[in-house]
Amino acid sequence: MPFTFEDLGLPGVVLARPRTFADARGFFRETFKASDFAAASIPDTFTQDNLSFSRRGTVRGLHYQVAPHAQGKLVQCVSGRIWDVAVDIRPGSATFGQWVAAELTEEGGETLFIPEDFAHGFQVLSDTALVSYKCTRQFHGPSEGGIRWNDPDLAVAWPLPGEAVLSDRDGASPFLRNRVLAAPLPAT
């Protein structure tokens, strides 16, 4: 198996580390293998791939989609380094409001799986970062939501809080306590 998998302490949040084969030409690594990921209880079917480019300090998130359009995400930093965060926002969950994070780097090739019903965000630690992620469902605007990146109830330990660069939307996202997460939005 070219991957090792680590449970990060919240249900379904898994860090995958690939095996890298390096020689004088450079390196080769598998970034996803459906059978290995399925064996680690990570979905093996994705319906949308996304790519983002960001500068140092940029915080993207904390984003989610509600059921029936909730997305699981498989995130990898293709270039640079990021601090990737998953927050449990499942109403009634024993770990509701808890978060875990992992540093994802181009050198290590780590991949973080964030299950459906979790919020996701990241902060760029390098000068720039190129982040690729697969989603279990396609983007559905009416089901999209966000939680303020610096919500004091979550107390996410962002590595560069003084350098946070945000979109207007992310900067104005509500705090978790002000979100209604239990009732799904109607499908359109």
Foldseek 3Di string as FASTA:
>chain_A
DQWDWDDQPDPPKIKIWGHWAQDPVGIDTDLDDLVVCVVVVHHSDFDDKDKDKDFAQEKDFQKFFAPPQTKKKKKAWQAAKKKKKKAQCDPPDPRHLEMDIDMHHNVRSMIIIHDTRITIMMGGHGRMIMMMMTIRGDDDVVRMAGAAPCQVSNNDPHPCVVSYDYDPPNNPGHHSVPDDRPDGDDDD
